[in-house]
Amino acid sequence: MSKRNAHPEGPGASRGFPPVAREDARVLILGSLPSEASLSAGEYYAHPRNAFWTIMCVIAGAEGGYAARCHALQARGIAVWDVLSSSVRPGSLDADIDMNTAVPNDFEQFLAGHEDIRLVCFNGRKAQQMFQRRVQPLLPEFDFEVSLLPSTSPAHASLTLAEKLATWRGVIEPHLGGGEQTDG
């Protein structure tokens, strides 16, 4: 999987961010590709109405500035990344991702360096579908538990925040153990 296509360039081309992860991560949360708001801010889930950080505040104590929130996730054993490293996508909707230009991240290398990951969660159906089609078949050994979580995007309004939070907590918290919220 290390032989990837070139990154798309030009109008509508989006490039993702490096993972937020420590080597001891146990849970990997995958989105599809950063939104326009995230790309502009240089931060995962930067849209003010995206519920990701609200949910992570409850699950992992992720509060404060972006660096502090990321640190809290890492301290609890949670990694965040996207399925795609790049793609042409006009706008921020997952439905607008041009799959002909989609380049997956290098999960083979990532997982080799994060051997404690036992749960892979998808922040929405598009991330799950892209992973199953474009990444999972390329992984030599894939024996992780996987879970589709309701998207935290403001575009996914069929569930309330409380319903999303309950689902996320029920899936993720059992995999965190009694992890600390410091560097220890």
N, C-alpha and C. Protein backbone atom coordinates (compact mmCIF):
# COMPACT_ATOMS: atom_id res chain seq x y z
N MET A 1 0.81 -1.18 0.00
CA MET A 1 0.00 0.00 0.00
C MET A 1 0.86 1.25 0.00
N SER A 2 2.13 1.13 0.17
CA SER A 2 2.99 2.30 0.20
C SER A 2 3.13 2.92 -1.19
N LYS A 3 2.76 2.20 -2.24
CA LYS A 3 2.80 2.75 -3.59
C LYS A 3 1.45 3.39 -3.88
N ARG A 4 1.36 4.68 -3.60
CA ARG A 4 0.09 5.39 -3.77
C ARG A 4 0.15 6.29 -4.99
N ASN A 5 -1.03 6.68 -5.44
CA ASN A 5 -1.13 7.59 -6.57
C ASN A 5 -0.65 8.97 -6.16
N ALA A 6 -0.31 9.78 -7.16
CA ALA A 6 0.06 11.16 -6.88
C ALA A 6 -1.14 11.91 -6.33
N HIS A 7 -0.88 12.91 -5.53
CA HIS A 7 -1.96 13.72 -4.98
C HIS A 7 -2.58 14.56 -6.08
N PRO A 8 -3.90 14.67 -6.09
CA PRO A 8 -4.54 15.52 -7.10
C PRO A 8 -4.20 16.98 -6.84
N GLU A 9 -4.14 17.72 -7.89
CA GLU A 9 -3.88 19.15 -7.79
C GLU A 9 -4.98 19.90 -8.52
N GLY A 10 -5.03 21.21 -8.31
CA GLY A 10 -5.98 22.02 -9.06
C GLY A 10 -7.21 22.37 -8.24
N PRO A 11 -8.20 23.00 -8.91
CA PRO A 11 -9.41 23.45 -8.22
C PRO A 11 -10.14 22.29 -7.55
N GLY A 12 -10.51 22.49 -6.32
CA GLY A 12 -11.27 21.47 -5.60
C GLY A 12 -10.42 20.39 -4.97
N ALA A 13 -9.10 20.42 -5.16
CA ALA A 13 -8.23 19.39 -4.58
C ALA A 13 -8.04 19.65 -3.09
N SER A 14 -8.25 18.63 -2.29
CA SER A 14 -8.09 18.73 -0.84
C SER A 14 -7.03 17.74 -0.40
N ARG A 15 -6.18 18.16 0.53
CA ARG A 15 -5.18 17.28 1.12
C ARG A 15 -5.43 17.20 2.61
N GLY A 16 -5.38 15.99 3.12
CA GLY A 16 -5.65 15.76 4.53
C GLY A 16 -4.49 16.14 5.43
N PHE A 17 -4.67 15.83 6.70
CA PHE A 17 -3.70 16.13 7.74
C PHE A 17 -3.00 14.85 8.19
N PRO A 18 -1.86 15.00 8.85
CA PRO A 18 -1.25 13.82 9.47
C PRO A 18 -2.14 13.33 10.61
N PRO A 19 -1.95 12.09 11.02
CA PRO A 19 -2.78 11.58 12.11
C PRO A 19 -2.45 12.26 13.44
N VAL A 20 -3.45 12.32 14.30
CA VAL A 20 -3.26 12.71 15.69
C VAL A 20 -3.20 11.38 16.43
N ALA A 21 -2.01 10.97 16.83
CA ALA A 21 -1.87 9.63 17.41
C ALA A 21 -0.56 9.47 18.15
N ARG A 22 -0.62 8.72 19.24
CA ARG A 22 0.59 8.24 19.90
C ARG A 22 0.74 6.77 19.55
N GLU A 23 1.93 6.23 19.77
CA GLU A 23 2.18 4.82 19.45
C GLU A 23 1.30 3.88 20.24
N ASP A 24 0.83 4.30 21.42
CA ASP A 24 0.04 3.41 22.28
C ASP A 24 -1.47 3.55 22.05
N ALA A 25 -1.88 4.16 20.94
CA ALA A 25 -3.31 4.32 20.65
C ALA A 25 -3.99 2.96 20.58
N ARG A 26 -5.22 2.89 21.11
CA ARG A 26 -6.02 1.66 21.08
C ARG A 26 -7.24 1.79 20.19
N VAL A 27 -7.68 3.03 19.97
CA VAL A 27 -8.87 3.31 19.17
C VAL A 27 -8.47 4.28 18.06
N LEU A 28 -8.87 3.96 16.83
CA LEU A 28 -8.62 4.84 15.69
C LEU A 28 -9.96 5.31 15.15
N ILE A 29 -10.16 6.63 15.14
CA ILE A 29 -11.38 7.22 14.59
C ILE A 29 -11.04 7.80 13.23
N LEU A 30 -11.77 7.35 12.21
CA LEU A 30 -11.51 7.78 10.84
C LEU A 30 -12.66 8.58 10.26
N GLY A 31 -12.32 9.74 9.74
CA GLY A 31 -13.25 10.51 8.93
C GLY A 31 -12.94 10.24 7.47
N SER A 32 -13.51 11.02 6.60
CA SER A 32 -13.28 10.82 5.16
C SER A 32 -12.12 11.69 4.68
N LEU A 33 -12.30 13.01 4.79
CA LEU A 33 -11.34 14.01 4.33
C LEU A 33 -11.74 15.31 5.01
N PRO A 34 -10.79 16.16 5.41
CA PRO A 34 -11.17 17.39 6.11
C PRO A 34 -12.10 18.28 5.29
N SER A 35 -13.03 18.92 5.98
CA SER A 35 -13.96 19.87 5.36
C SER A 35 -13.22 21.16 5.02
N GLU A 36 -13.90 22.05 4.30
CA GLU A 36 -13.30 23.35 3.99
C GLU A 36 -12.95 24.11 5.26
N ALA A 37 -13.83 24.06 6.27
CA ALA A 37 -13.55 24.76 7.53
C ALA A 37 -12.31 24.18 8.20
N SER A 38 -12.18 22.87 8.18
CA SER A 38 -11.02 22.22 8.79
C SER A 38 -9.74 22.56 8.03
N LEU A 39 -9.82 22.51 6.71
CA LEU A 39 -8.65 22.84 5.90
C LEU A 39 -8.21 24.28 6.13
N SER A 40 -9.17 25.18 6.22
CA SER A 40 -8.87 26.59 6.45
C SER A 40 -8.22 26.80 7.82
N ALA A 41 -8.71 26.10 8.82
CA ALA A 41 -8.18 26.24 10.19
C ALA A 41 -6.93 25.39 10.43
N GLY A 42 -6.71 24.38 9.59
CA GLY A 42 -5.59 23.46 9.81
C GLY A 42 -5.83 22.54 10.99
N GLU A 43 -7.10 22.24 11.25
CA GLU A 43 -7.47 21.42 12.42
C GLU A 43 -8.56 20.43 12.03
N TYR A 44 -8.51 19.24 12.60
CA TYR A 44 -9.59 18.28 12.42
C TYR A 44 -10.88 18.84 13.03
N TYR A 45 -11.98 18.61 12.35
CA TYR A 45 -13.34 18.91 12.83
C TYR A 45 -13.48 20.35 13.31
N ALA A 46 -13.06 21.30 12.48
CA ALA A 46 -13.06 22.71 12.87
C ALA A 46 -14.40 23.42 12.64
N HIS A 47 -15.31 22.82 11.90
CA HIS A 47 -16.60 23.48 11.69
C HIS A 47 -17.26 23.68 13.05
N PRO A 48 -17.73 24.88 13.36
CA PRO A 48 -18.27 25.14 14.70
C PRO A 48 -19.50 24.31 15.07
N ARG A 49 -20.22 23.79 14.09
CA ARG A 49 -21.39 22.97 14.40
C ARG A 49 -21.11 21.47 14.33
N ASN A 50 -19.88 21.09 14.03
CA ASN A 50 -19.53 19.67 14.04
C ASN A 50 -19.46 19.23 15.50
N ALA A 51 -20.08 18.12 15.82
CA ALA A 51 -20.20 17.66 17.20
C ALA A 51 -19.01 16.85 17.69
N PHE A 52 -18.00 16.64 16.85
CA PHE A 52 -16.88 15.77 17.22
C PHE A 52 -16.23 16.20 18.54
N TRP A 53 -15.84 17.46 18.65
CA TRP A 53 -15.12 17.89 19.86
C TRP A 53 -16.03 17.93 21.08
N THR A 54 -17.30 18.19 20.88
CA THR A 54 -18.24 18.14 22.00
C THR A 54 -18.32 16.71 22.55
N ILE A 55 -18.39 15.75 21.64
CA ILE A 55 -18.43 14.34 22.04
C ILE A 55 -17.11 13.92 22.68
N MET A 56 -15.99 14.36 22.10
CA MET A 56 -14.68 13.99 22.65
C MET A 56 -14.42 14.65 24.00
N CYS A 57 -15.05 15.78 24.26
CA CYS A 57 -14.93 16.40 25.57
C CYS A 57 -15.50 15.46 26.64
N VAL A 58 -16.63 14.85 26.34
CA VAL A 58 -17.25 13.93 27.30
C VAL A 58 -16.45 12.63 27.40
N ILE A 59 -16.06 12.07 26.27
CA ILE A 59 -15.39 10.76 26.28
C ILE A 59 -13.95 10.85 26.77
N ALA A 60 -13.23 11.89 26.37
CA ALA A 60 -11.79 11.95 26.65
C ALA A 60 -11.34 13.20 27.38
N GLY A 61 -12.26 14.05 27.80
CA GLY A 61 -11.87 15.28 28.46
C GLY A 61 -11.17 16.25 27.52
N ALA A 62 -11.47 16.16 26.23
CA ALA A 62 -10.82 16.99 25.22
C ALA A 62 -11.45 18.37 25.21
N GLU A 63 -10.79 19.31 25.90
CA GLU A 63 -11.29 20.68 25.94
C GLU A 63 -10.12 21.64 25.86
N GLY A 64 -10.43 22.92 25.74
CA GLY A 64 -9.40 23.93 25.60
C GLY A 64 -9.09 24.16 24.13
N GLY A 65 -7.87 24.61 23.87
CA GLY A 65 -7.45 24.86 22.49
C GLY A 65 -7.24 23.55 21.74
N TYR A 66 -7.00 23.67 20.45
CA TYR A 66 -6.86 22.49 19.59
C TYR A 66 -5.74 21.56 20.07
N ALA A 67 -4.58 22.10 20.40
CA ALA A 67 -3.46 21.27 20.85
C ALA A 67 -3.82 20.53 22.14
N ALA A 68 -4.49 21.19 23.05
CA ALA A 68 -4.90 20.55 24.31
C ALA A 68 -5.92 19.44 24.06
N ARG A 69 -6.85 19.68 23.14
CA ARG A 69 -7.84 18.65 22.82
C ARG A 69 -7.17 17.42 22.21
N CYS A 70 -6.24 17.66 21.29
CA CYS A 70 -5.53 16.55 20.66
C CYS A 70 -4.71 15.78 21.70
N HIS A 71 -4.08 16.49 22.59
CA HIS A 71 -3.30 15.85 23.65
C HIS A 71 -4.20 14.97 24.53
N ALA A 72 -5.38 15.46 24.86
CA ALA A 72 -6.31 14.68 25.68
C ALA A 72 -6.71 13.39 24.98
N LEU A 73 -6.96 13.46 23.68
CA LEU A 73 -7.30 12.24 22.93
C LEU A 73 -6.15 11.25 22.99
N GLN A 74 -4.96 11.73 22.72
CA GLN A 74 -3.79 10.85 22.72
C GLN A 74 -3.57 10.22 24.09
N ALA A 75 -3.77 11.00 25.14
CA ALA A 75 -3.58 10.49 26.50
C ALA A 75 -4.58 9.38 26.83
N ARG A 76 -5.74 9.41 26.22
CA ARG A 76 -6.77 8.37 26.45
C ARG A 76 -6.64 7.20 25.48
N GLY A 77 -5.68 7.24 24.56
CA GLY A 77 -5.49 6.14 23.63
C GLY A 77 -6.32 6.24 22.37
N ILE A 78 -6.74 7.46 22.03
CA ILE A 78 -7.56 7.68 20.84
C ILE A 78 -6.72 8.36 19.76
N ALA A 79 -6.77 7.79 18.56
CA ALA A 79 -6.10 8.38 17.40
C ALA A 79 -7.17 8.87 16.42
N VAL A 80 -6.86 9.92 15.69
CA VAL A 80 -7.78 10.51 14.71
C VAL A 80 -7.04 10.66 13.40
N TRP A 81 -7.72 10.25 12.33
CA TRP A 81 -7.13 10.39 10.99
C TRP A 81 -8.28 10.36 9.99
N ASP A 82 -7.94 10.39 8.73
CA ASP A 82 -8.93 10.28 7.66
C ASP A 82 -8.58 9.11 6.76
N VAL A 83 -9.58 8.57 6.10
CA VAL A 83 -9.35 7.49 5.16
C VAL A 83 -8.52 7.99 3.98
N LEU A 84 -8.83 9.17 3.49
CA LEU A 84 -8.13 9.70 2.33
C LEU A 84 -7.04 10.69 2.70
N SER A 85 -5.95 10.62 1.97
CA SER A 85 -4.91 11.63 2.13
C SER A 85 -5.20 12.82 1.21
N SER A 86 -5.91 12.56 0.10
CA SER A 86 -6.25 13.65 -0.80
C SER A 86 -7.34 13.20 -1.78
N SER A 87 -8.01 14.19 -2.34
CA SER A 87 -9.02 13.96 -3.36
C SER A 87 -9.53 15.31 -3.84
N VAL A 88 -10.11 15.31 -5.01
CA VAL A 88 -10.82 16.48 -5.48
C VAL A 88 -12.21 16.42 -4.85
N ARG A 89 -12.58 17.51 -4.19
CA ARG A 89 -13.91 17.60 -3.58
C ARG A 89 -14.32 19.06 -3.54
N PRO A 90 -15.20 19.45 -4.44
CA PRO A 90 -15.71 20.81 -4.36
C PRO A 90 -16.68 20.92 -3.17
N GLY A 91 -16.39 21.79 -2.25
CA GLY A 91 -17.24 21.90 -1.06
C GLY A 91 -16.78 20.97 0.03
N SER A 92 -17.69 20.70 0.97
CA SER A 92 -17.34 19.90 2.15
C SER A 92 -18.12 18.61 2.29
N LEU A 93 -19.07 18.37 1.42
CA LEU A 93 -19.91 17.19 1.56
C LEU A 93 -19.16 15.94 1.10
N ASP A 94 -19.29 14.85 1.86
CA ASP A 94 -18.67 13.59 1.47
C ASP A 94 -19.19 13.09 0.13
N ALA A 95 -20.43 13.39 -0.17
CA ALA A 95 -21.02 12.95 -1.44
C ALA A 95 -20.31 13.59 -2.64
N ASP A 96 -19.59 14.68 -2.42
CA ASP A 96 -18.91 15.37 -3.51
C ASP A 96 -17.46 14.92 -3.73
N ILE A 97 -17.00 13.96 -2.93
CA ILE A 97 -15.64 13.44 -3.11
C ILE A 97 -15.57 12.72 -4.45
N ASP A 98 -14.61 13.11 -5.28
CA ASP A 98 -14.39 12.48 -6.58
C ASP A 98 -13.54 11.23 -6.35
N MET A 99 -14.19 10.07 -6.37
CA MET A 99 -13.49 8.83 -6.08
C MET A 99 -12.43 8.49 -7.12
N ASN A 100 -12.51 9.08 -8.31
CA ASN A 100 -11.48 8.86 -9.32
C ASN A 100 -10.17 9.52 -8.95
N THR A 101 -10.22 10.51 -8.09
CA THR A 101 -9.00 11.21 -7.67
C THR A 101 -8.63 10.88 -6.22
N ALA A 102 -9.39 10.03 -5.57
CA ALA A 102 -9.19 9.73 -4.16
C ALA A 102 -7.92 8.90 -3.94
N VAL A 103 -7.09 9.37 -3.01
CA VAL A 103 -5.86 8.67 -2.65
C VAL A 103 -5.94 8.32 -1.17
N PRO A 104 -5.97 7.02 -0.83
CA PRO A 104 -6.06 6.64 0.58
C PRO A 104 -4.75 6.92 1.32
N ASN A 105 -4.87 7.12 2.62
CA ASN A 105 -3.69 7.22 3.46
C ASN A 105 -3.00 5.87 3.53
N ASP A 106 -1.75 5.87 4.00
CA ASP A 106 -0.96 4.65 4.08
C ASP A 106 -1.23 3.95 5.41
N PHE A 107 -2.28 3.14 5.43
CA PHE A 107 -2.67 2.46 6.66
C PHE A 107 -1.74 1.32 7.01
N GLU A 108 -1.13 0.71 6.05
CA GLU A 108 -0.20 -0.38 6.34
C GLU A 108 0.94 0.14 7.22
N GLN A 109 1.50 1.27 6.84
CA GLN A 109 2.59 1.86 7.63
C GLN A 109 2.06 2.36 8.98
N PHE A 110 0.91 3.02 8.98
CA PHE A 110 0.36 3.54 10.22
C PHE A 110 0.10 2.43 11.22
N LEU A 111 -0.56 1.38 10.78
CA LEU A 111 -0.91 0.29 11.71
C LEU A 111 0.33 -0.47 12.18
N ALA A 112 1.36 -0.54 11.35
CA ALA A 112 2.61 -1.18 11.79
C ALA A 112 3.24 -0.41 12.93
N GLY A 113 3.03 0.91 12.97
CA GLY A 113 3.59 1.73 14.04
C GLY A 113 2.65 1.95 15.21
N HIS A 114 1.45 1.40 15.12
CA HIS A 114 0.43 1.56 16.18
C HIS A 114 -0.20 0.19 16.44
N GLU A 115 0.58 -0.70 16.98
CA GLU A 115 0.19 -2.10 17.12
C GLU A 115 -0.87 -2.36 18.18
N ASP A 116 -1.16 -1.37 19.03
CA ASP A 116 -2.17 -1.57 20.08
C ASP A 116 -3.58 -1.26 19.62
N ILE A 117 -3.75 -0.76 18.41
CA ILE A 117 -5.10 -0.43 17.93
C ILE A 117 -5.91 -1.70 17.77
N ARG A 118 -7.08 -1.71 18.41
CA ARG A 118 -7.98 -2.86 18.36
C ARG A 118 -9.37 -2.49 17.86
N LEU A 119 -9.65 -1.19 17.79
CA LEU A 119 -10.96 -0.73 17.34
C LEU A 119 -10.77 0.38 16.32
N VAL A 120 -11.38 0.22 15.16
CA VAL A 120 -11.38 1.24 14.13
C VAL A 120 -12.82 1.72 13.99
N CYS A 121 -13.04 3.01 14.25
CA CYS A 121 -14.37 3.61 14.18
C CYS A 121 -14.44 4.53 12.97
N PHE A 122 -15.60 4.55 12.36
CA PHE A 122 -15.81 5.42 11.21
C PHE A 122 -16.79 6.51 11.58
N ASN A 123 -16.35 7.75 11.39
CA ASN A 123 -17.21 8.91 11.66
C ASN A 123 -18.07 9.13 10.41
N GLY A 124 -19.06 8.29 10.26
CA GLY A 124 -19.97 8.38 9.13
C GLY A 124 -19.80 7.25 8.12
N ARG A 125 -20.85 7.03 7.36
CA ARG A 125 -20.90 5.91 6.41
C ARG A 125 -19.91 6.05 5.26
N LYS A 126 -19.67 7.27 4.76
CA LYS A 126 -18.76 7.44 3.63
C LYS A 126 -17.35 7.00 4.01
N ALA A 127 -16.90 7.35 5.20
CA ALA A 127 -15.58 6.92 5.65
C ALA A 127 -15.51 5.39 5.70
N GLN A 128 -16.56 4.76 6.23
CA GLN A 128 -16.60 3.31 6.30
C GLN A 128 -16.54 2.69 4.91
N GLN A 129 -17.35 3.18 3.99
CA GLN A 129 -17.39 2.63 2.64
C GLN A 129 -16.04 2.77 1.93
N MET A 130 -15.43 3.93 2.04
CA MET A 130 -14.14 4.15 1.38
C MET A 130 -13.07 3.23 1.98
N PHE A 131 -13.08 3.07 3.30
CA PHE A 131 -12.10 2.21 3.95
C PHE A 131 -12.29 0.76 3.49
N GLN A 132 -13.54 0.29 3.50
CA GLN A 132 -13.81 -1.09 3.11
C GLN A 132 -13.43 -1.36 1.66
N ARG A 133 -13.63 -0.40 0.80
CA ARG A 133 -13.36 -0.59 -0.63
C ARG A 133 -11.93 -0.31 -1.04
N ARG A 134 -11.32 0.72 -0.43
CA ARG A 134 -10.03 1.20 -0.92
C ARG A 134 -8.85 0.85 -0.02
N VAL A 135 -9.11 0.50 1.24
CA VAL A 135 -8.01 0.27 2.17
C VAL A 135 -7.98 -1.16 2.68
N GLN A 136 -9.05 -1.62 3.24
CA GLN A 136 -9.07 -2.94 3.89
C GLN A 136 -8.58 -4.07 2.99
N PRO A 137 -8.94 -4.12 1.71
CA PRO A 137 -8.43 -5.22 0.87
C PRO A 137 -6.91 -5.21 0.70
N LEU A 138 -6.27 -4.08 0.95
CA LEU A 138 -4.83 -3.96 0.78
C LEU A 138 -4.05 -4.28 2.05
N LEU A 139 -4.75 -4.45 3.15
CA LEU A 139 -4.07 -4.74 4.41
C LEU A 139 -3.86 -6.25 4.53
N PRO A 140 -2.62 -6.67 4.75
CA PRO A 140 -2.33 -8.10 4.81
C PRO A 140 -3.06 -8.81 5.96
N GLU A 141 -3.14 -8.17 7.08
CA GLU A 141 -3.83 -8.75 8.23
C GLU A 141 -4.75 -7.68 8.80
N PHE A 142 -6.02 -7.97 8.82
CA PHE A 142 -6.98 -7.01 9.37
C PHE A 142 -7.88 -7.75 10.33
N ASP A 143 -7.56 -7.66 11.62
CA ASP A 143 -8.34 -8.38 12.62
C ASP A 143 -8.85 -7.44 13.71
N PHE A 144 -9.18 -6.22 13.33
CA PHE A 144 -9.65 -5.24 14.28
C PHE A 144 -11.16 -5.28 14.36
N GLU A 145 -11.67 -4.88 15.50
CA GLU A 145 -13.10 -4.62 15.59
C GLU A 145 -13.35 -3.31 14.85
N VAL A 146 -14.44 -3.24 14.11
CA VAL A 146 -14.79 -2.02 13.40
C VAL A 146 -16.19 -1.60 13.81
N SER A 147 -16.43 -0.30 13.78
CA SER A 147 -17.74 0.21 14.16
C SER A 147 -18.08 1.46 13.37
N LEU A 148 -19.26 1.47 12.80
CA LEU A 148 -19.79 2.66 12.13
C LEU A 148 -20.47 3.51 13.19
N LEU A 149 -20.01 4.75 13.32
CA LEU A 149 -20.60 5.69 14.26
C LEU A 149 -21.39 6.73 13.48
N PRO A 150 -22.42 7.31 14.09
CA PRO A 150 -23.16 8.36 13.40
C PRO A 150 -22.24 9.56 13.17
N SER A 151 -22.32 10.11 11.98
CA SER A 151 -21.48 11.24 11.63
C SER A 151 -21.70 12.41 12.58
N THR A 152 -20.60 13.06 12.94
CA THR A 152 -20.68 14.25 13.79
C THR A 152 -20.90 15.52 12.96
N SER A 153 -20.96 15.38 11.67
CA SER A 153 -21.15 16.51 10.77
C SER A 153 -22.49 17.18 10.99
N PRO A 154 -22.54 18.51 10.85
CA PRO A 154 -23.83 19.18 10.95
C PRO A 154 -24.78 18.78 9.82
N ALA A 155 -24.24 18.21 8.74
CA ALA A 155 -25.09 17.76 7.63
C ALA A 155 -25.87 16.50 8.02
N HIS A 156 -25.42 15.80 9.05
CA HIS A 156 -26.10 14.58 9.50
C HIS A 156 -26.97 14.95 10.71
N ALA A 157 -28.19 15.39 10.43
CA ALA A 157 -29.05 15.93 11.48
C ALA A 157 -30.19 15.00 11.86
N SER A 158 -30.14 13.75 11.44
CA SER A 158 -31.24 12.83 11.75
C SER A 158 -31.20 12.35 13.20
N LEU A 159 -30.07 12.53 13.86
CA LEU A 159 -29.95 12.17 15.28
C LEU A 159 -29.62 13.42 16.09
N THR A 160 -30.07 13.44 17.33
CA THR A 160 -29.72 14.54 18.22
C THR A 160 -28.29 14.36 18.72
N LEU A 161 -27.74 15.40 19.29
CA LEU A 161 -26.40 15.30 19.89
C LEU A 161 -26.40 14.23 20.98
N ALA A 162 -27.44 14.19 21.79
CA ALA A 162 -27.51 13.19 22.87
C ALA A 162 -27.50 11.77 22.31
N GLU A 163 -28.19 11.56 21.21
CA GLU A 163 -28.22 10.22 20.59
C GLU A 163 -26.85 9.86 20.01
N LYS A 164 -26.21 10.82 19.36
CA LYS A 164 -24.87 10.58 18.82
C LYS A 164 -23.90 10.28 19.96
N LEU A 165 -23.94 11.09 21.00
CA LEU A 165 -23.04 10.90 22.14
C LEU A 165 -23.22 9.53 22.77
N ALA A 166 -24.45 9.10 22.97
CA ALA A 166 -24.71 7.80 23.58
C ALA A 166 -24.10 6.68 22.74
N THR A 167 -24.25 6.77 21.43
CA THR A 167 -23.68 5.74 20.55
C THR A 167 -22.16 5.76 20.60
N TRP A 168 -21.57 6.93 20.47
CA TRP A 168 -20.11 7.05 20.50
C TRP A 168 -19.55 6.51 21.82
N ARG A 169 -20.16 6.92 22.92
CA ARG A 169 -19.67 6.45 24.24
C ARG A 169 -19.77 4.94 24.36
N GLY A 170 -20.90 4.39 23.93
CA GLY A 170 -21.11 2.95 24.05
C GLY A 170 -20.11 2.13 23.27
N VAL A 171 -19.63 2.67 22.16
CA VAL A 171 -18.66 1.96 21.33
C VAL A 171 -17.23 2.18 21.81
N ILE A 172 -16.87 3.42 22.09
CA ILE A 172 -15.47 3.77 22.35
C ILE A 172 -15.04 3.52 23.80
N GLU A 173 -15.84 3.93 24.76
CA GLU A 173 -15.40 3.87 26.16
C GLU A 173 -14.96 2.48 26.62
N PRO A 174 -15.61 1.39 26.22
CA PRO A 174 -15.13 0.07 26.68
C PRO A 174 -13.70 -0.26 26.23
N HIS A 175 -13.20 0.41 25.21
CA HIS A 175 -11.86 0.14 24.70
C HIS A 175 -10.79 1.03 25.32
N LEU A 176 -11.22 1.98 26.16
CA LEU A 176 -10.25 2.92 26.71
C LEU A 176 -9.69 2.48 28.05
N GLY A 177 -10.35 1.59 28.73
CA GLY A 177 -9.88 1.21 30.05
C GLY A 177 -9.88 2.39 30.98
N GLY A 178 -9.02 2.39 31.93
CA GLY A 178 -8.96 3.48 32.92
C GLY A 178 -7.92 4.50 32.56
N GLY A 179 -7.62 4.66 31.26
CA GLY A 179 -6.54 5.55 30.81
C GLY A 179 -6.52 6.89 31.47
N GLU A 180 -5.32 7.40 31.67
CA GLU A 180 -5.14 8.71 32.28
C GLU A 180 -5.34 9.81 31.25
N GLN A 181 -5.50 11.02 31.73
CA GLN A 181 -5.61 12.16 30.84
C GLN A 181 -4.37 13.03 30.94
N THR A 182 -3.26 12.41 31.31
CA THR A 182 -1.98 13.12 31.34
C THR A 182 -0.96 12.28 30.59
N ASP A 183 0.24 12.81 30.45
CA ASP A 183 1.28 12.08 29.73
C ASP A 183 1.80 10.90 30.53
N GLY A 184 1.62 10.91 31.84
CA GLY A 184 1.99 9.81 32.71
C GLY A 184 3.38 9.44 32.56
